[in-house]
Structures are given as structure tokens and as C-alpha cells.
């Protein structure tokens, strides 16, 4: 395990245009905060908001891990049209997007969501079922704007993960780190 004492935060969300410039800047701020606070960012080795967060974390001197749906570097570029530059290591799963999502979320101590569609919903339900601390960037649109309804549907289970809904990237990251530490220490 890389850096076992560092909290690993997955950033999931909208990967395809059009992008809201304000949300894009907030995604970048989330990445920088994760790096500044000494945590590791993990993403789906993709484009969009998760890419911007990962690139900003790496540019700020942090560690950025990508979890790819492809089975190798050439398929990552050729078949999935995904970037390499925002990630220190990339883990090539060969499991497609759905299989990649399971590995991505299971590898994290907490998960932050920024906008997103069906793939983000898949990542959210995996994180929810695993009891990961969940953070949502308020006002980021798409799935993230529907989270309260989704939580209401999911809340049939007795064990509910901690949930943070925050508009400010710095506050969101610091609160998700705090929740992660509490969960780790309670084990």
C-alpha cells in the first residue's frame, strides 16, 4: 500500500463537457486542498472535474493516483482517450468503467463528488454501500444536485455513512478528512 498513513480521497464527478467554469475552479481548489493537507487524491484517471482536481493536486506537489478502466497504457490512450499527465501511478484495471469504479472507491478512505451522471451515481452507490464518508460539492449540478433524493432512497439501510454537503472546497476537504480520521480511528 502506498503511503499507508495518508488519507486517500477519491474525487468522482462529471467527465464530459460542457463544464461550468465556477465548478471547474472549485474542482481545482479541491485538488489543491487535498495536496496541501497531505492527503492523496485518487480518481478514475479520466477527464473533466476529476482530472482538474487530480492535476491541481499534482501541480501543488501532492500525490495523484489514477485508476483506469483500461488494461494498459495504450488502451488507456487509444480506446478510452484518457490522459496520463495528472497521475503519478496509474493502475490499469482492465475492468471497464464499472469495474474500475469499484476499485477506485474501495481504495479510498472517503469520496468527494462534483457534478456527474450515471457513472458518478454508480460510484456514489458503491461508496454509500461501503460506508465511506461522502462529500458533495454543493451547487456542482447533475447527480450532486440530486443527492438528497438519492440519499432518501438509499437510507433504507440501517448503517448510514457520514455525509457532507458543502459549497466551499476548503471546508469540504477539511471536513471529509476529519470524518475519515474519525472512521479510521474507530476501527
Foldseek 3Di string as FASTA:
>chain_A
DPPVVAAEEEEDEDFDDDFDPVLLVLLLVLLLLCLVVPHEYEYQLGHDSRLSSLQSNVVNVGAYEHEYCAQDDVCSCPVVVGDDPSHDYYHHDVNHLLVSLLVRLVVGQAYEYAHHEDSVVSNVVSNFVVQHEYEYQPPRYHVSPCVVVVCVVVVPDPRGHHYHYYNHSNVRNVVSVVSSVVVVVVD
